[in-house]
Amino acid sequence: ALDPFTLAALKMHVDKLDQEQRELGPDYHDHGVLFSWE
């Protein structure tokens, strides 16, 4: 279970992952991990 603080931080993190994936397009290496390089 995630506390509200951690949940909010992870929501921002996921948004950042989505942004990085959009920006890199086909050069993005999606390994499905939650914590990754850009």
All heavy atoms as atom14 arrays in JSON, in Angstrom:
{
  "sequence": "ALDPFTLAALKMHVDKLDQEQRELGPDYHDHGVLFSWE",
  "atom14_mask": [
    [1, 1, 1, 1, 1, 0, 0, 0, 0, 0, 0, 0, 0, 0],
    [1, 1, 1, 1, 1, 1, 1, 1, 0, 0, 0, 0, 0, 0],
    [1, 1, 1, 1, 1, 1, 1, 1, 0, 0, 0, 0, 0, 0],
    [1, 1, 1, 1, 1, 1, 1, 0, 0, 0, 0, 0, 0, 0],
    [1, 1, 1, 1, 1, 1, 1, 1, 1, 1, 1, 0, 0, 0],
    [1, 1, 1, 1, 1, 1, 1, 0, 0, 0, 0, 0, 0, 0],
    [1, 1, 1, 1, 1, 1, 1, 1, 0, 0, 0, 0, 0, 0],
    [1, 1, 1, 1, 1, 0, 0, 0, 0, 0, 0, 0, 0, 0],
    [1, 1, 1, 1, 1, 0, 0, 0, 0, 0, 0, 0, 0, 0],
    [1, 1, 1, 1, 1, 1, 1, 1, 0, 0, 0, 0, 0, 0],
    [1, 1, 1, 1, 1, 1, 1, 1, 1, 0, 0, 0, 0, 0],
    [1, 1, 1, 1, 1, 1, 1, 1, 0, 0, 0, 0, 0, 0],
    [1, 1, 1, 1, 1, 1, 1, 1, 1, 1, 0, 0, 0, 0],
    [1, 1, 1, 1, 1, 1, 1, 0, 0, 0, 0, 0, 0, 0],
    [1, 1, 1, 1, 1, 1, 1, 1, 0, 0, 0, 0, 0, 0],
    [1, 1, 1, 1, 1, 1, 1, 1, 1, 0, 0, 0, 0, 0],
    [1, 1, 1, 1, 1, 1, 1, 1, 0, 0, 0, 0, 0, 0],
    [1, 1, 1, 1, 1, 1, 1, 1, 0, 0, 0, 0, 0, 0],
    [1, 1, 1, 1, 1, 1, 1, 1, 1, 0, 0, 0, 0, 0],
    [1, 1, 1, 1, 1, 1, 1, 1, 1, 0, 0, 0, 0, 0],
    [1, 1, 1, 1, 1, 1, 1, 1, 1, 0, 0, 0, 0, 0],
    [1, 1, 1, 1, 1, 1, 1, 1, 1, 1, 1, 0, 0, 0],
    [1, 1, 1, 1, 1, 1, 1, 1, 1, 0, 0, 0, 0, 0],
    [1, 1, 1, 1, 1, 1, 1, 1, 0, 0, 0, 0, 0, 0],
    [1, 1, 1, 1, 0, 0, 0, 0, 0, 0, 0, 0, 0, 0],
    [1, 1, 1, 1, 1, 1, 1, 0, 0, 0, 0, 0, 0, 0],
    [1, 1, 1, 1, 1, 1, 1, 1, 0, 0, 0, 0, 0, 0],
    [1, 1, 1, 1, 1, 1, 1, 1, 1, 1, 1, 1, 0, 0],
    [1, 1, 1, 1, 1, 1, 1, 1, 1, 1, 0, 0, 0, 0],
    [1, 1, 1, 1, 1, 1, 1, 1, 0, 0, 0, 0, 0, 0],
    [1, 1, 1, 1, 1, 1, 1, 1, 1, 1, 0, 0, 0, 0],
    [1, 1, 1, 1, 0, 0, 0, 0, 0, 0, 0, 0, 0, 0],
    [1, 1, 1, 1, 1, 1, 1, 0, 0, 0, 0, 0, 0, 0],
    [1, 1, 1, 1, 1, 1, 1, 1, 0, 0, 0, 0, 0, 0],
    [1, 1, 1, 1, 1, 1, 1, 1, 1, 1, 1, 0, 0, 0],
    [1, 1, 1, 1, 1, 1, 0, 0, 0, 0, 0, 0, 0, 0],
    [1, 1, 1, 1, 1, 1, 1, 1, 1, 1, 1, 1, 1, 1],
    [1, 1, 1, 1, 1, 1, 1, 1, 1, 0, 0, 0, 0, 0]
  ],
  "atom14_positions": [
    [[0.87, -1.18, 0.0], [0.0, 0.0, 0.0], [0.9, 1.23, 0.0], [1.95, 1.24, 0.64], [-0.89, -0.01, 1.24], [0.0, 0.0, 0.0], [0.0, 0.0, 0.0], [0.0, 0.0, 0.0], [0.0, 0.0, 0.0], [0.0, 0.0, 0.0], [0.0, 0.0, 0.0], [0.0, 0.0, 0.0], [0.0, 0.0, 0.0], [0.0, 0.0, 0.0]],
    [[0.52, 2.25, -0.74], [1.33, 3.45, -0.85], [0.68, 4.59, -0.05], [-0.52, 4.83, -0.18], [1.49, 3.86, -2.31], [2.13, 2.8, -3.21], [2.06, 3.22, -4.67], [3.57, 2.54, -2.79], [0.0, 0.0, 0.0], [0.0, 0.0, 0.0], [0.0, 0.0, 0.0], [0.0, 0.0, 0.0], [0.0, 0.0, 0.0], [0.0, 0.0, 0.0]],
    [[1.49, 5.28, 0.74], [1.0, 6.43, 1.49], [0.77, 7.58, 0.51], [1.28, 7.57, -0.61], [2.02, 6.83, 2.57], [3.34, 7.26, 1.95], [3.47, 8.45, 1.63], [4.22, 6.38, 1.78], [0.0, 0.0, 0.0], [0.0, 0.0, 0.0], [0.0, 0.0, 0.0], [0.0, 0.0, 0.0], [0.0, 0.0, 0.0], [0.0, 0.0, 0.0]],
    [[-0.02, 8.59, 0.9], [-0.35, 9.69, -0.01], [0.88, 10.44, -0.55], [0.91, 10.83, -1.72], [-1.22, 10.62, 0.84], [-1.82, 9.73, 1.87], [-0.78, 8.68, 2.15], [0.0, 0.0, 0.0], [0.0, 0.0, 0.0], [0.0, 0.0, 0.0], [0.0, 0.0, 0.0], [0.0, 0.0, 0.0], [0.0, 0.0, 0.0], [0.0, 0.0, 0.0]],
    [[1.9, 10.65, 0.27], [3.1, 11.36, -0.17], [3.81, 10.58, -1.27], [4.17, 11.13, -2.32], [4.05, 11.59, 1.01], [5.35, 12.21, 0.62], [5.46, 13.58, 0.44], [6.47, 11.42, 0.4], [6.66, 14.16, 0.06], [7.68, 11.99, 0.02], [7.77, 13.36, -0.15], [0.0, 0.0, 0.0], [0.0, 0.0, 0.0], [0.0, 0.0, 0.0]],
    [[4.04, 9.28, -1.03], [4.72, 8.43, -2.02], [3.89, 8.31, -3.28], [4.42, 8.36, -4.39], [5.0, 7.03, -1.42], [5.79, 7.19, -0.24], [5.73, 6.14, -2.4], [0.0, 0.0, 0.0], [0.0, 0.0, 0.0], [0.0, 0.0, 0.0], [0.0, 0.0, 0.0], [0.0, 0.0, 0.0], [0.0, 0.0, 0.0], [0.0, 0.0, 0.0]],
    [[2.58, 8.19, -3.13], [1.7, 8.07, -4.29], [1.78, 9.33, -5.16], [1.89, 9.25, -6.39], [0.26, 7.83, -3.82], [-0.74, 7.48, -4.9], [-0.33, 6.24, -5.67], [-2.11, 7.26, -4.26], [0.0, 0.0, 0.0], [0.0, 0.0, 0.0], [0.0, 0.0, 0.0], [0.0, 0.0, 0.0], [0.0, 0.0, 0.0], [0.0, 0.0, 0.0]],
    [[1.78, 10.5, -4.54], [1.89, 11.76, -5.29], [3.24, 11.84, -6.01], [3.3, 12.26, -7.18], [1.71, 12.95, -4.35], [0.0, 0.0, 0.0], [0.0, 0.0, 0.0], [0.0, 0.0, 0.0], [0.0, 0.0, 0.0], [0.0, 0.0, 0.0], [0.0, 0.0, 0.0], [0.0, 0.0, 0.0], [0.0, 0.0, 0.0], [0.0, 0.0, 0.0]],
    [[4.31, 11.45, -5.34], [5.64, 11.47, -5.96], [5.69, 10.51, -7.14], [6.26, 10.83, -8.19], [6.71, 11.12, -4.93], [0.0, 0.0, 0.0], [0.0, 0.0, 0.0], [0.0, 0.0, 0.0], [0.0, 0.0, 0.0], [0.0, 0.0, 0.0], [0.0, 0.0, 0.0], [0.0, 0.0, 0.0], [0.0, 0.0, 0.0], [0.0, 0.0, 0.0]],
    [[5.09, 9.33, -7.0], [5.09, 8.36, -8.08], [4.23, 8.81, -9.26], [4.56, 8.54, -10.41], [4.65, 6.98, -7.59], [5.7, 6.23, -6.77], [5.11, 4.96, -6.16], [6.92, 5.89, -7.63], [0.0, 0.0, 0.0], [0.0, 0.0, 0.0], [0.0, 0.0, 0.0], [0.0, 0.0, 0.0], [0.0, 0.0, 0.0], [0.0, 0.0, 0.0]],
    [[3.15, 9.52, -8.99], [2.33, 10.07, -10.08], [3.17, 11.05, -10.91], [3.15, 11.01, -12.14], [1.09, 10.77, -9.53], [0.01, 9.82, -9.09], [-1.2, 10.57, -8.55], [-2.26, 9.58, -8.09], [-3.44, 10.23, -7.52], [0.0, 0.0, 0.0], [0.0, 0.0, 0.0], [0.0, 0.0, 0.0], [0.0, 0.0, 0.0], [0.0, 0.0, 0.0]],
    [[3.92, 11.92, -10.24], [4.78, 12.85, -10.97], [5.87, 12.11, -11.73], [6.21, 12.46, -12.86], [5.41, 13.87, -10.0], [4.42, 14.87, -9.45], [5.14, 16.23, -8.5], [6.12, 15.39, -7.27], [0.0, 0.0, 0.0], [0.0, 0.0, 0.0], [0.0, 0.0, 0.0], [0.0, 0.0, 0.0], [0.0, 0.0, 0.0], [0.0, 0.0, 0.0]],
    [[6.4, 11.06, -11.11], [7.46, 10.26, -11.75], [6.93, 9.59, -13.01], [7.6, 9.6, -14.05], [7.98, 9.22, -10.75], [9.02, 8.32, -11.31], [10.29, 8.76, -11.65], [8.98, 7.0, -11.62], [10.99, 7.74, -12.13], [10.22, 6.68, -12.14], [0.0, 0.0, 0.0], [0.0, 0.0, 0.0], [0.0, 0.0, 0.0], [0.0, 0.0, 0.0]],
    [[5.74, 9.03, -12.95], [5.15, 8.36, -14.12], [4.89, 9.37, -15.23], [5.12, 9.08, -16.41], [3.85, 7.61, -13.72], [3.05, 7.19, -14.94], [4.2, 6.39, -12.87], [0.0, 0.0, 0.0], [0.0, 0.0, 0.0], [0.0, 0.0, 0.0], [0.0, 0.0, 0.0], [0.0, 0.0, 0.0], [0.0, 0.0, 0.0], [0.0, 0.0, 0.0]],
    [[4.44, 10.56, -14.87], [4.25, 11.62, -15.88], [5.58, 11.93, -16.56], [5.63, 12.12, -17.79], [3.68, 12.89, -15.24], [2.23, 12.74, -14.83], [1.56, 11.79, -15.29], [1.76, 13.58, -14.03], [0.0, 0.0, 0.0], [0.0, 0.0, 0.0], [0.0, 0.0, 0.0], [0.0, 0.0, 0.0], [0.0, 0.0, 0.0], [0.0, 0.0, 0.0]],
    [[6.65, 11.97, -15.79], [7.99, 12.23, -16.34], [8.41, 11.09, -17.27], [8.98, 11.34, -18.35], [8.99, 12.42, -15.2], [10.39, 12.74, -15.65], [10.48, 14.14, -16.21], [11.93, 14.5, -16.46], [12.06, 15.68, -17.26], [0.0, 0.0, 0.0], [0.0, 0.0, 0.0], [0.0, 0.0, 0.0], [0.0, 0.0, 0.0], [0.0, 0.0, 0.0]],
    [[8.14, 9.85, -16.89], [8.46, 8.71, -17.75], [7.71, 8.81, -19.08], [8.28, 8.56, -20.15], [8.1, 7.39, -17.06], [8.93, 6.96, -15.86], [8.35, 5.69, -15.25], [10.38, 6.75, -16.26], [0.0, 0.0, 0.0], [0.0, 0.0, 0.0], [0.0, 0.0, 0.0], [0.0, 0.0, 0.0], [0.0, 0.0, 0.0], [0.0, 0.0, 0.0]],
    [[6.43, 9.18, -19.01], [5.63, 9.33, -20.22], [6.21, 10.41, -21.13], [6.29, 10.24, -22.34], [4.18, 9.67, -19.87], [3.43, 8.5, -19.26], [3.88, 7.35, -19.41], [2.39, 8.75, -18.6], [0.0, 0.0, 0.0], [0.0, 0.0, 0.0], [0.0, 0.0, 0.0], [0.0, 0.0, 0.0], [0.0, 0.0, 0.0], [0.0, 0.0, 0.0]],
    [[6.62, 11.52, -20.52], [7.2, 12.62, -21.27], [8.5, 12.18, -21.96], [8.71, 12.47, -23.14], [7.48, 13.8, -20.35], [8.14, 14.98, -21.03], [8.54, 16.07, -20.05], [8.14, 16.06, -18.89], [9.33, 17.0, -20.52], [0.0, 0.0, 0.0], [0.0, 0.0, 0.0], [0.0, 0.0, 0.0], [0.0, 0.0, 0.0], [0.0, 0.0, 0.0]],
    [[9.35, 11.47, -21.24], [10.61, 11.0, -21.81], [10.35, 10.04, -22.98], [11.02, 10.11, -24.01], [11.46, 10.32, -20.74], [11.99, 11.3, -19.71], [12.58, 10.65, -18.47], [12.43, 9.42, -18.29], [13.18, 11.38, -17.68], [0.0, 0.0, 0.0], [0.0, 0.0, 0.0], [0.0, 0.0, 0.0], [0.0, 0.0, 0.0], [0.0, 0.0, 0.0]],
    [[9.36, 9.17, -22.82], [9.04, 8.22, -23.88], [8.52, 8.94, -25.12], [8.9, 8.61, -26.25], [8.02, 7.19, -23.39], [7.79, 6.06, -24.37], [7.01, 4.92, -23.78], [6.47, 5.01, -22.68], [6.94, 3.82, -24.5], [0.0, 0.0, 0.0], [0.0, 0.0, 0.0], [0.0, 0.0, 0.0], [0.0, 0.0, 0.0], [0.0, 0.0, 0.0]],
    [[7.69, 9.95, -24.92], [7.18, 10.73, -26.06], [8.32, 11.47, -26.77], [8.39, 11.48, -28.0], [6.14, 11.76, -25.59], [4.77, 11.22, -25.35], [3.73, 12.32, -25.15], [4.08, 13.27, -24.09], [3.8, 13.12, -22.81], [3.18, 12.03, -22.39], [4.14, 14.02, -21.92], [0.0, 0.0, 0.0], [0.0, 0.0, 0.0], [0.0, 0.0, 0.0]],
    [[9.21, 12.08, -25.99], [10.3, 12.85, -26.57], [11.29, 11.98, -27.35], [11.8, 12.38, -28.39], [11.04, 13.63, -25.49], [10.23, 14.79, -24.94], [10.88, 15.49, -23.76], [12.0, 15.08, -23.35], [10.27, 16.44, -23.22], [0.0, 0.0, 0.0], [0.0, 0.0, 0.0], [0.0, 0.0, 0.0], [0.0, 0.0, 0.0], [0.0, 0.0, 0.0]],
    [[11.57, 10.79, -26.86], [12.55, 9.92, -27.53], [11.92, 9.07, -28.63], [12.64, 8.58, -29.5], [13.25, 9.02, -26.51], [14.3, 9.71, -25.65], [14.84, 8.77, -24.6], [15.43, 10.25, -26.5], [0.0, 0.0, 0.0], [0.0, 0.0, 0.0], [0.0, 0.0, 0.0], [0.0, 0.0, 0.0], [0.0, 0.0, 0.0], [0.0, 0.0, 0.0]],
    [[10.62, 8.89, -28.55], [9.93, 8.11, -29.59], [10.53, 6.73, -29.78], [10.69, 5.97, -28.83], [0.0, 0.0, 0.0], [0.0, 0.0, 0.0], [0.0, 0.0, 0.0], [0.0, 0.0, 0.0], [0.0, 0.0, 0.0], [0.0, 0.0, 0.0], [0.0, 0.0, 0.0], [0.0, 0.0, 0.0], [0.0, 0.0, 0.0], [0.0, 0.0, 0.0]],
    [[10.94, 6.4, -31.02], [11.47, 5.06, -31.29], [12.83, 4.78, -30.63], [13.25, 3.63, -30.55], [11.59, 5.01, -32.82], [11.57, 6.42, -33.27], [10.84, 7.22, -32.23], [0.0, 0.0, 0.0], [0.0, 0.0, 0.0], [0.0, 0.0, 0.0], [0.0, 0.0, 0.0], [0.0, 0.0, 0.0], [0.0, 0.0, 0.0], [0.0, 0.0, 0.0]],
    [[13.5, 5.82, -30.15], [14.78, 5.61, -29.48], [14.62, 5.25, -28.0], [15.6, 5.02, -27.3], [15.65, 6.87, -29.59], [16.09, 7.13, -31.02], [16.26, 6.14, -31.78], [16.24, 8.3, -31.38], [0.0, 0.0, 0.0], [0.0, 0.0, 0.0], [0.0, 0.0, 0.0], [0.0, 0.0, 0.0], [0.0, 0.0, 0.0], [0.0, 0.0, 0.0]],
    [[13.37, 5.22, -27.55], [13.1, 4.86, -26.15], [13.14, 3.34, -26.02], [12.5, 2.63, -26.8], [11.74, 5.41, -25.72], [11.46, 5.29, -24.25], [11.96, 6.22, -23.35], [10.7, 4.24, -23.75], [11.71, 6.11, -21.99], [10.44, 4.12, -22.4], [10.94, 5.06, -21.52], [10.7, 4.95, -20.17], [0.0, 0.0, 0.0], [0.0, 0.0, 0.0]],
    [[13.88, 2.84, -25.05], [14.02, 1.39, -24.83], [13.12, 1.01, -23.65], [13.56, 1.01, -22.5], [15.47, 1.03, -24.51], [16.44, 1.49, -25.53], [16.65, 0.81, -26.71], [17.23, 2.58, -25.57], [17.55, 1.45, -27.42], [17.92, 2.53, -26.77], [0.0, 0.0, 0.0], [0.0, 0.0, 0.0], [0.0, 0.0, 0.0], [0.0, 0.0, 0.0]],
    [[11.89, 0.67, -23.95], [10.92, 0.4, -22.89], [11.13, -1.01, -22.32], [10.81, -2.01, -22.95], [9.5, 0.54, -23.42], [8.47, 0.51, -22.31], [8.85, 0.38, -21.13], [7.27, 0.62, -22.63], [0.0, 0.0, 0.0], [0.0, 0.0, 0.0], [0.0, 0.0, 0.0], [0.0, 0.0, 0.0], [0.0, 0.0, 0.0], [0.0, 0.0, 0.0]],
    [[11.69, -1.05, -21.11], [11.89, -2.32, -20.41], [10.79, -2.56, -19.37], [10.81, -3.56, -18.67], [13.26, -2.34, -19.72], [14.39, -2.45, -20.7], [14.96, -3.65, -21.05], [15.04, -1.5, -21.42], [15.93, -3.43, -21.93], [15.99, -2.14, -22.17], [0.0, 0.0, 0.0], [0.0, 0.0, 0.0], [0.0, 0.0, 0.0], [0.0, 0.0, 0.0]],
    [[9.88, -1.6, -19.26], [8.75, -1.75, -18.35], [9.07, -1.49, -16.89], [8.22, -1.67, -16.03], [0.0, 0.0, 0.0], [0.0, 0.0, 0.0], [0.0, 0.0, 0.0], [0.0, 0.0, 0.0], [0.0, 0.0, 0.0], [0.0, 0.0, 0.0], [0.0, 0.0, 0.0], [0.0, 0.0, 0.0], [0.0, 0.0, 0.0], [0.0, 0.0, 0.0]],
    [[10.29, -1.08, -16.59], [10.66, -0.84, -15.19], [10.19, 0.53, -14.75], [10.07, 1.47, -15.56], [12.17, -1.02, -14.93], [12.59, -2.47, -15.12], [12.99, -0.08, -15.79], [0.0, 0.0, 0.0], [0.0, 0.0, 0.0], [0.0, 0.0, 0.0], [0.0, 0.0, 0.0], [0.0, 0.0, 0.0], [0.0, 0.0, 0.0], [0.0, 0.0, 0.0]],
    [[9.91, 0.65, -13.49], [9.42, 1.91, -12.93], [10.53, 2.94, -12.78], [10.3, 4.13, -12.92], [8.76, 1.63, -11.58], [8.03, 2.77, -10.9], [6.95, 3.36, -11.8], [7.4, 2.29, -9.6], [0.0, 0.0, 0.0], [0.0, 0.0, 0.0], [0.0, 0.0, 0.0], [0.0, 0.0, 0.0], [0.0, 0.0, 0.0], [0.0, 0.0, 0.0]],
    [[11.74, 2.47, -12.53], [12.88, 3.37, -12.36], [13.89, 3.08, -13.46], [14.41, 1.96, -13.54], [13.49, 3.21, -10.97], [12.47, 3.44, -9.89], [11.97, 2.38, -9.15], [11.99, 4.72, -9.63], [11.0, 2.6, -8.17], [11.03, 4.95, -8.67], [10.53, 3.88, -7.93], [0.0, 0.0, 0.0], [0.0, 0.0, 0.0], [0.0, 0.0, 0.0]],
    [[14.11, 4.08, -14.31], [14.95, 3.86, -15.49], [15.72, 5.14, -15.82], [15.46, 6.21, -15.28], [14.07, 3.47, -16.68], [13.2, 4.54, -17.04], [0.0, 0.0, 0.0], [0.0, 0.0, 0.0], [0.0, 0.0, 0.0], [0.0, 0.0, 0.0], [0.0, 0.0, 0.0], [0.0, 0.0, 0.0], [0.0, 0.0, 0.0], [0.0, 0.0, 0.0]],
    [[16.65, 4.98, -16.76], [17.32, 6.13, -17.34], [16.32, 6.85, -18.23], [15.25, 6.32, -18.55], [18.54, 5.7, -18.15], [19.64, 5.1, -17.32], [20.03, 3.8, -17.3], [20.48, 5.79, -16.38], [21.07, 3.63, -16.41], [21.36, 4.84, -15.83], [20.57, 7.11, -15.96], [22.31, 5.16, -14.89], [21.52, 7.44, -15.02], [22.38, 6.48, -14.49]],
    [[16.68, 8.03, -18.68], [15.78, 8.83, -19.53], [15.37, 8.11, -20.8], [14.32, 8.37, -21.36], [16.44, 10.17, -19.9], [16.62, 11.11, -18.72], [17.9, 10.83, -17.93], [18.67, 9.9, -18.26], [18.13, 11.56, -16.95], [0.0, 0.0, 0.0], [0.0, 0.0, 0.0], [0.0, 0.0, 0.0], [0.0, 0.0, 0.0], [0.0, 0.0, 0.0]]
  ]
}
